[in-house]
Amino acid sequence: MALADHNITDKIDITDVTCPITFVKAKVAIEELEEGEILQIHLNHGEPLENVPRSLGEEGHEVLEKIDNGDGTWELIVRRGAD
């Protein structure tokens, strides 16, 4: 699925922060959305790519897709779950 195929509600860039702040910023951003809305998260490969999707999933949100930008960064597409 391509990035354009998602009805993205909001976007954040967390490439300038390190774990665990990456998850904190992602959590705050997704909590500002309504249930079912979609957040695009621009993040770095490595720890952020491992920890942020796992932690958001544990919070009840659905990771729809991980897209490799080919430059060491990724786009994470996440649908907000129910409260």
PDB file of N, CA and C in Angstrom:
ATOM      1  N   MET A   1       0.848  -1.176   0.000  1.00  0.00           N
ATOM      2  CA  MET A   1       0.000   0.000   0.000  1.00  0.00           C
ATOM      3  C   MET A   1       0.895   1.241   0.000  1.00  0.00           C
ATOM      4  N   ALA A   2       0.538   2.236  -0.742  1.00  0.00           N
ATOM      5  CA  ALA A   2       1.323   3.461  -0.823  1.00  0.00           C
ATOM      6  C   ALA A   2       0.842   4.469   0.222  1.00  0.00           C
ATOM      7  N   LEU A   3       1.728   5.361   0.570  1.00  0.00           N
ATOM      8  CA  LEU A   3       1.420   6.399   1.549  1.00  0.00           C
ATOM      9  C   LEU A   3       0.163   7.171   1.174  1.00  0.00           C
ATOM     10  N   ALA A   4      -0.016   7.445  -0.099  1.00  0.00           N
ATOM     11  CA  ALA A   4      -1.166   8.216  -0.573  1.00  0.00           C
ATOM     12  C   ALA A   4      -2.478   7.450  -0.392  1.00  0.00           C
ATOM     13  N   ASP A   5      -2.411   6.135  -0.192  1.00  0.00           N
ATOM     14  CA  ASP A   5      -3.610   5.329  -0.026  1.00  0.00           C
ATOM     15  C   ASP A   5      -4.236   5.461   1.358  1.00  0.00           C
ATOM     16  N   HIS A   6      -3.506   6.045   2.290  1.00  0.00           N
ATOM     17  CA  HIS A   6      -4.000   6.217   3.657  1.00  0.00           C
ATOM     18  C   HIS A   6      -4.637   7.597   3.801  1.00  0.00           C
ATOM     19  N   ASN A   7      -5.734   7.656   4.525  1.00  0.00           N
ATOM     20  CA  ASN A   7      -6.393   8.926   4.801  1.00  0.00           C
ATOM     21  C   ASN A   7      -5.771   9.500   6.075  1.00  0.00           C
ATOM     22  N   ILE A   8      -4.594  10.111   5.941  1.00  0.00           N
ATOM     23  CA  ILE A   8      -3.808  10.574   7.082  1.00  0.00           C
ATOM     24  C   ILE A   8      -4.418  11.835   7.676  1.00  0.00           C
ATOM     25  N   THR A   9      -4.639  11.783   8.989  1.00  0.00           N
ATOM     26  CA  THR A   9      -5.238  12.891   9.724  1.00  0.00           C
ATOM     27  C   THR A   9      -4.173  13.893  10.173  1.00  0.00           C
ATOM     28  N   ASP A  10      -3.022  13.379  10.644  1.00  0.00           N
ATOM     29  CA  ASP A  10      -1.967  14.247  11.170  1.00  0.00           C
ATOM     30  C   ASP A  10      -0.619  13.578  10.945  1.00  0.00           C
ATOM     31  N   LYS A  11       0.447  14.380  10.993  1.00  0.00           N
ATOM     32  CA  LYS A  11       1.815  13.903  10.798  1.00  0.00           C
ATOM     33  C   LYS A  11       2.715  14.486  11.878  1.00  0.00           C
ATOM     34  N   ILE A  12       3.701  13.687  12.307  1.00  0.00           N
ATOM     35  CA  ILE A  12       4.739  14.201  13.199  1.00  0.00           C
ATOM     36  C   ILE A  12       6.093  13.677  12.727  1.00  0.00           C
ATOM     37  N   ASP A  13       7.129  14.410  13.070  1.00  0.00           N
ATOM     38  CA  ASP A  13       8.513  14.031  12.762  1.00  0.00           C
ATOM     39  C   ASP A  13       9.245  13.891  14.082  1.00  0.00           C
ATOM     40  N   ILE A  14       9.681  12.671  14.396  1.00  0.00           N
ATOM     41  CA  ILE A  14      10.405  12.451  15.648  1.00  0.00           C
ATOM     42  C   ILE A  14      11.847  12.005  15.392  1.00  0.00           C
ATOM     43  N   THR A  15      12.377  12.381  14.244  1.00  0.00           N
ATOM     44  CA  THR A  15      13.748  11.994  13.910  1.00  0.00           C
ATOM     45  C   THR A  15      14.787  12.767  14.716  1.00  0.00           C
ATOM     46  N   ASP A  16      14.363  13.840  15.367  1.00  0.00           N
ATOM     47  CA  ASP A  16      15.314  14.671  16.109  1.00  0.00           C
ATOM     48  C   ASP A  16      15.371  14.336  17.594  1.00  0.00           C
ATOM     49  N   VAL A  17      14.663  13.279  18.026  1.00  0.00           N
ATOM     50  CA  VAL A  17      14.678  12.874  19.435  1.00  0.00           C
ATOM     51  C   VAL A  17      15.068  11.414  19.556  1.00  0.00           C
ATOM     52  N   THR A  18      15.465  11.006  20.762  1.00  0.00           N
ATOM     53  CA  THR A  18      15.879   9.626  21.003  1.00  0.00           C
ATOM     54  C   THR A  18      14.907   8.940  21.960  1.00  0.00           C
ATOM     55  N   CYS A  19      14.987   7.625  21.986  1.00  0.00           N
ATOM     56  CA  CYS A  19      14.152   6.843  22.904  1.00  0.00           C
ATOM     57  C   CYS A  19      14.536   7.182  24.345  1.00  0.00           C
ATOM     58  N   PRO A  20      13.603   7.265  25.255  1.00  0.00           N
ATOM     59  CA  PRO A  20      12.189   6.935  25.146  1.00  0.00           C
ATOM     60  C   PRO A  20      11.305   8.123  24.734  1.00  0.00           C
ATOM     61  N   ILE A  21      11.905   9.269  24.436  1.00  0.00           N
ATOM     62  CA  ILE A  21      11.119  10.445  24.068  1.00  0.00           C
ATOM     63  C   ILE A  21      10.386  10.218  22.749  1.00  0.00           C
ATOM     64  N   THR A  22      10.911   9.360  21.879  1.00  0.00           N
ATOM     65  CA  THR A  22      10.226   9.078  20.616  1.00  0.00           C
ATOM     66  C   THR A  22       8.823   8.545  20.881  1.00  0.00           C
ATOM     67  N   PHE A  23       8.706   7.595  21.822  1.00  0.00           N
ATOM     68  CA  PHE A  23       7.391   7.046  22.133  1.00  0.00           C
ATOM     69  C   PHE A  23       6.509   8.094  22.803  1.00  0.00           C
ATOM     70  N   VAL A  24       7.063   8.875  23.691  1.00  0.00           N
ATOM     71  CA  VAL A  24       6.281   9.910  24.391  1.00  0.00           C
ATOM     72  C   VAL A  24       5.667  10.870  23.380  1.00  0.00           C
ATOM     73  N   LYS A  25       6.457  11.338  22.426  1.00  0.00           N
ATOM     74  CA  LYS A  25       5.944  12.274  21.415  1.00  0.00           C
ATOM     75  C   LYS A  25       4.879  11.610  20.540  1.00  0.00           C
ATOM     76  N   ALA A  26       5.107  10.353  20.158  1.00  0.00           N
ATOM     77  CA  ALA A  26       4.129   9.632  19.340  1.00  0.00           C
ATOM     78  C   ALA A  26       2.829   9.427  20.119  1.00  0.00           C
ATOM     79  N   LYS A  27       2.942   9.082  21.395  1.00  0.00           N
ATOM     80  CA  LYS A  27       1.759   8.850  22.223  1.00  0.00           C
ATOM     81  C   LYS A  27       0.937  10.123  22.377  1.00  0.00           C
ATOM     82  N   VAL A  28       1.605  11.234  22.643  1.00  0.00           N
ATOM     83  CA  VAL A  28       0.906  12.512  22.781  1.00  0.00           C
ATOM     84  C   VAL A  28       0.189  12.861  21.478  1.00  0.00           C
ATOM     85  N   ALA A  29       0.860  12.675  20.352  1.00  0.00           N
ATOM     86  CA  ALA A  29       0.262  13.012  19.053  1.00  0.00           C
ATOM     87  C   ALA A  29      -0.952  12.144  18.747  1.00  0.00           C
ATOM     88  N   ILE A  30      -0.862  10.853  19.019  1.00  0.00           N
ATOM     89  CA  ILE A  30      -1.994   9.978  18.681  1.00  0.00           C
ATOM     90  C   ILE A  30      -3.163  10.198  19.633  1.00  0.00           C
ATOM     91  N   GLU A  31      -2.886  10.590  20.857  1.00  0.00           N
ATOM     92  CA  GLU A  31      -3.958  10.850  21.815  1.00  0.00           C
ATOM     93  C   GLU A  31      -4.748  12.105  21.468  1.00  0.00           C
ATOM     94  N   GLU A  32      -4.194  12.957  20.625  1.00  0.00           N
ATOM     95  CA  GLU A  32      -4.904  14.156  20.181  1.00  0.00           C
ATOM     96  C   GLU A  32      -5.910  13.846  19.073  1.00  0.00           C
ATOM     97  N   LEU A  33      -5.826  12.640  18.510  1.00  0.00           N
ATOM     98  CA  LEU A  33      -6.728  12.234  17.430  1.00  0.00           C
ATOM     99  C   LEU A  33      -7.971  11.559  17.993  1.00  0.00           C
ATOM    100  N   GLU A  34      -8.988  11.465  17.161  1.00  0.00           N
ATOM    101  CA  GLU A  34     -10.203  10.727  17.503  1.00  0.00           C
ATOM    102  C   GLU A  34     -10.004   9.261  17.120  1.00  0.00           C
ATOM    103  N   GLU A  35     -10.752   8.380  17.743  1.00  0.00           N
ATOM    104  CA  GLU A  35     -10.685   6.958  17.416  1.00  0.00           C
ATOM    105  C   GLU A  35     -10.878   6.753  15.911  1.00  0.00           C
ATOM    106  N   GLY A  36     -10.005   5.951  15.314  1.00  0.00           N
ATOM    107  CA  GLY A  36     -10.085   5.641  13.891  1.00  0.00           C
ATOM    108  C   GLY A  36      -9.279   6.570  12.994  1.00  0.00           C
ATOM    109  N   GLU A  37      -8.865   7.726  13.524  1.00  0.00           N
ATOM    110  CA  GLU A  37      -8.050   8.636  12.712  1.00  0.00           C
ATOM    111  C   GLU A  37      -6.635   8.086  12.592  1.00  0.00           C
ATOM    112  N   ILE A  38      -5.901   8.570  11.581  1.00  0.00           N
ATOM    113  CA  ILE A  38      -4.597   7.996  11.245  1.00  0.00           C
ATOM    114  C   ILE A  38      -3.475   9.018  11.401  1.00  0.00           C
ATOM    115  N   LEU A  39      -2.415   8.561  12.066  1.00  0.00           N
ATOM    116  CA  LEU A  39      -1.222   9.374  12.298  1.00  0.00           C
ATOM    117  C   LEU A  39      -0.062   8.812  11.483  1.00  0.00           C
ATOM    118  N   GLN A  40       0.655   9.703  10.804  1.00  0.00           N
ATOM    119  CA  GLN A  40       1.891   9.341  10.102  1.00  0.00           C
ATOM    120  C   GLN A  40       3.052   9.821  10.955  1.00  0.00           C
ATOM    121  N   ILE A  41       3.952   8.914  11.298  1.00  0.00           N
ATOM    122  CA  ILE A  41       5.101   9.232  12.142  1.00  0.00           C
ATOM    123  C   ILE A  41       6.371   9.029  11.331  1.00  0.00           C
ATOM    124  N   HIS A  42       7.157  10.087  11.195  1.00  0.00           N
ATOM    125  CA  HIS A  42       8.453  10.028  10.515  1.00  0.00           C
ATOM    126  C   HIS A  42       9.493   9.750  11.601  1.00  0.00           C
ATOM    127  N   LEU A  43      10.179   8.585  11.516  1.00  0.00           N
ATOM    128  CA  LEU A  43      11.109   8.212  12.570  1.00  0.00           C
ATOM    129  C   LEU A  43      12.342   7.531  12.003  1.00  0.00           C
ATOM    130  N   ASN A  44      13.348   7.403  12.850  1.00  0.00           N
ATOM    131  CA  ASN A  44      14.612   6.799  12.453  1.00  0.00           C
ATOM    132  C   ASN A  44      14.561   5.281  12.569  1.00  0.00           C
ATOM    133  N   HIS A  45      15.434   4.627  11.792  1.00  0.00           N
ATOM    134  CA  HIS A  45      15.647   3.187  11.870  1.00  0.00           C
ATOM    135  C   HIS A  45      16.259   2.868  13.237  1.00  0.00           C
ATOM    136  N   GLY A  46      16.223   1.635  13.642  1.00  0.00           N
ATOM    137  CA  GLY A  46      16.841   1.221  14.900  1.00  0.00           C
ATOM    138  C   GLY A  46      15.834   1.205  16.040  1.00  0.00           C
ATOM    139  N   GLU A  47      16.271   1.680  17.206  1.00  0.00           N
ATOM    140  CA  GLU A  47      15.420   1.659  18.397  1.00  0.00           C
ATOM    141  C   GLU A  47      14.045   2.282  18.189  1.00  0.00           C
ATOM    142  N   PRO A  48      13.960   3.478  17.590  1.00  0.00           N
ATOM    143  CA  PRO A  48      12.623   4.056  17.403  1.00  0.00           C
ATOM    144  C   PRO A  48      11.705   3.162  16.574  1.00  0.00           C
ATOM    145  N   LEU A  49      12.226   2.558  15.517  1.00  0.00           N
ATOM    146  CA  LEU A  49      11.420   1.706  14.647  1.00  0.00           C
ATOM    147  C   LEU A  49      10.998   0.421  15.365  1.00  0.00           C
ATOM    148  N   GLU A  50      11.791  -0.028  16.316  1.00  0.00           N
ATOM    149  CA  GLU A  50      11.437  -1.213  17.090  1.00  0.00           C
ATOM    150  C   GLU A  50      10.466  -0.871  18.211  1.00  0.00           C
ATOM    151  N   ASN A  51      10.746   0.199  18.943  1.00  0.00           N
ATOM    152  CA  ASN A  51      10.003   0.505  20.162  1.00  0.00           C
ATOM    153  C   ASN A  51       8.678   1.225  19.944  1.00  0.00           C
ATOM    154  N   VAL A  52       8.636   2.194  19.048  1.00  0.00           N
ATOM    155  CA  VAL A  52       7.422   3.003  18.878  1.00  0.00           C
ATOM    156  C   VAL A  52       6.251   2.146  18.388  1.00  0.00           C
ATOM    157  N   PRO A  53       6.403   1.342  17.319  1.00  0.00           N
ATOM    158  CA  PRO A  53       5.257   0.525  16.885  1.00  0.00           C
ATOM    159  C   PRO A  53       4.804  -0.468  17.957  1.00  0.00           C
ATOM    160  N   ARG A  54       5.755  -1.100  18.622  1.00  0.00           N
ATOM    161  CA  ARG A  54       5.408  -2.069  19.662  1.00  0.00           C
ATOM    162  C   ARG A  54       4.647  -1.396  20.804  1.00  0.00           C
ATOM    163  N   SER A  55       5.140  -0.262  21.262  1.00  0.00           N
ATOM    164  CA  SER A  55       4.512   0.441  22.375  1.00  0.00           C
ATOM    165  C   SER A  55       3.133   0.970  22.003  1.00  0.00           C
ATOM    166  N   LEU A  56       2.985   1.506  20.792  1.00  0.00           N
ATOM    167  CA  LEU A  56       1.666   1.991  20.361  1.00  0.00           C
ATOM    168  C   LEU A  56       0.685   0.832  20.246  1.00  0.00           C
ATOM    169  N   GLY A  57       1.153  -0.315  19.767  1.00  0.00           N
ATOM    170  CA  GLY A  57       0.307  -1.501  19.693  1.00  0.00           C
ATOM    171  C   GLY A  57      -0.154  -1.955  21.072  1.00  0.00           C
ATOM    172  N   GLU A  58       0.759  -1.892  22.040  1.00  0.00           N
ATOM    173  CA  GLU A  58       0.414  -2.258  23.416  1.00  0.00           C
ATOM    174  C   GLU A  58      -0.612  -1.293  24.009  1.00  0.00           C
ATOM    175  N   GLU A  59      -0.653  -0.066  23.493  1.00  0.00           N
ATOM    176  CA  GLU A  59      -1.611   0.942  23.953  1.00  0.00           C
ATOM    177  C   GLU A  59      -2.972   0.770  23.274  1.00  0.00           C
ATOM    178  N   GLY A  60      -3.079  -0.165  22.336  1.00  0.00           N
ATOM    179  CA  GLY A  60      -4.349  -0.431  21.679  1.00  0.00           C
ATOM    180  C   GLY A  60      -4.532   0.218  20.323  1.00  0.00           C
ATOM    181  N   HIS A  61      -3.452   0.765  19.765  1.00  0.00           N
ATOM    182  CA  HIS A  61      -3.514   1.382  18.446  1.00  0.00           C
ATOM    183  C   HIS A  61      -3.050   0.367  17.395  1.00  0.00           C
ATOM    184  N   GLU A  62      -3.463   0.554  16.159  1.00  0.00           N
ATOM    185  CA  GLU A  62      -3.152  -0.394  15.096  1.00  0.00           C
ATOM    186  C   GLU A  62      -2.094   0.159  14.144  1.00  0.00           C
ATOM    187  N   VAL A  63      -0.968  -0.520  14.068  1.00  0.00           N
ATOM    188  CA  VAL A  63       0.070  -0.154  13.111  1.00  0.00           C
ATOM    189  C   VAL A  63      -0.357  -0.697  11.753  1.00  0.00           C
ATOM    190  N   LEU A  64      -0.639   0.204  10.830  1.00  0.00           N
ATOM    191  CA  LEU A  64      -1.114  -0.190   9.508  1.00  0.00           C
ATOM    192  C   LEU A  64       0.017  -0.513   8.551  1.00  0.00           C
ATOM    193  N   GLU A  65       1.108   0.245   8.685  1.00  0.00           N
ATOM    194  CA  GLU A  65       2.187   0.067   7.717  1.00  0.00           C
ATOM    195  C   GLU A  65       3.475   0.714   8.214  1.00  0.00           C
ATOM    196  N   LYS A  66       4.599   0.121   7.785  1.00  0.00           N
ATOM    197  CA  LYS A  66       5.931   0.699   7.979  1.00  0.00           C
ATOM    198  C   LYS A  66       6.513   0.857   6.584  1.00  0.00           C
ATOM    199  N   ILE A  67       6.933   2.072   6.243  1.00  0.00           N
ATOM    200  CA  ILE A  67       7.446   2.354   4.904  1.00  0.00           C
ATOM    201  C   ILE A  67       8.897   2.829   5.011  1.00  0.00           C
ATOM    202  N   ASP A  68       9.795   2.124   4.365  1.00  0.00           N
ATOM    203  CA  ASP A  68      11.221   2.460   4.353  1.00  0.00           C
ATOM    204  C   ASP A  68      11.454   3.577   3.348  1.00  0.00           C
ATOM    205  N   ASN A  69      11.985   4.699   3.814  1.00  0.00           N
ATOM    206  CA  ASN A  69      12.287   5.830   2.936  1.00  0.00           C
ATOM    207  C   ASN A  69      13.614   5.656   2.200  1.00  0.00           C
ATOM    208  N   GLY A  70      14.393   4.643   2.591  1.00  0.00           N
ATOM    209  CA  GLY A  70      15.656   4.369   1.922  1.00  0.00           C
ATOM    210  C   GLY A  70      16.807   5.263   2.345  1.00  0.00           C
ATOM    211  N   ASP A  71      16.576   6.098   3.365  1.00  0.00           N
ATOM    212  CA  ASP A  71      17.627   7.012   3.831  1.00  0.00           C
ATOM    213  C   ASP A  71      17.874   6.874   5.333  1.00  0.00           C
ATOM    214  N   GLY A  72      17.460   5.750   5.898  1.00  0.00           N
ATOM    215  CA  GLY A  72      17.613   5.535   7.334  1.00  0.00           C
ATOM    216  C   GLY A  72      16.407   6.006   8.137  1.00  0.00           C
ATOM    217  N   THR A  73      15.397   6.535   7.441  1.00  0.00           N
ATOM    218  CA  THR A  73      14.170   6.935   8.120  1.00  0.00           C
ATOM    219  C   THR A  73      12.997   6.121   7.581  1.00  0.00           C
ATOM    220  N   TRP A  74      11.940   6.095   8.341  1.00  0.00           N
ATOM    221  CA  TRP A  74      10.742   5.326   8.009  1.00  0.00           C
ATOM    222  C   TRP A  74       9.509   6.170   8.248  1.00  0.00           C
ATOM    223  N   GLU A  75       8.423   5.766   7.613  1.00  0.00           N
ATOM    224  CA  GLU A  75       7.108   6.337   7.891  1.00  0.00           C
ATOM    225  C   GLU A  75       6.304   5.221   8.554  1.00  0.00           C
ATOM    226  N   LEU A  76       5.772   5.526   9.712  1.00  0.00           N
ATOM    227  CA  LEU A  76       4.926   4.598  10.435  1.00  0.00           C
ATOM    228  C   LEU A  76       3.504   5.127  10.351  1.00  0.00           C
ATOM    229  N   ILE A  77       2.585   4.294   9.892  1.00  0.00           N
ATOM    230  CA  ILE A  77       1.197   4.685   9.743  1.00  0.00           C
ATOM    231  C   ILE A  77       0.396   3.947  10.809  1.00  0.00           C
ATOM    232  N   VAL A  78      -0.265   4.727  11.679  1.00  0.00           N
ATOM    233  CA  VAL A  78      -0.941   4.149  12.842  1.00  0.00           C
ATOM    234  C   VAL A  78      -2.379   4.674  12.943  1.00  0.00           C
ATOM    235  N   ARG A  79      -3.324   3.746  13.155  1.00  0.00           N
ATOM    236  CA  ARG A  79      -4.717   4.120  13.376  1.00  0.00           C
ATOM    237  C   ARG A  79      -4.977   4.156  14.883  1.00  0.00           C
ATOM    238  N   ARG A  80      -5.570   5.254  15.336  1.00  0.00           N
ATOM    239  CA  ARG A  80      -5.858   5.399  16.762  1.00  0.00           C
ATOM    240  C   ARG A  80      -6.942   4.416  17.165  1.00  0.00           C
ATOM    241  N   GLY A  81      -6.689   3.724  18.261  1.00  0.00           N
ATOM    242  CA  GLY A  81      -7.643   2.782  18.805  1.00  0.00           C
ATOM    243  C   GLY A  81      -8.608   3.461  19.773  1.00  0.00           C
ATOM    244  N   ALA A  82      -9.462   2.657  20.364  1.00  0.00           N
ATOM    245  CA  ALA A  82     -10.436   3.165  21.328  1.00  0.00           C
ATOM    246  C   ALA A  82      -9.736   3.498  22.642  1.00  0.00           C
ATOM    247  N   ASP A  83     -10.348   4.390  23.376  1.00  0.00           N
ATOM    248  CA  ASP A  83      -9.798   4.756  24.696  1.00  0.00           C
ATOM    249  C   ASP A  83      -9.946   3.627  25.684  1.00  0.00           C
TER     250      ASP A  83
END
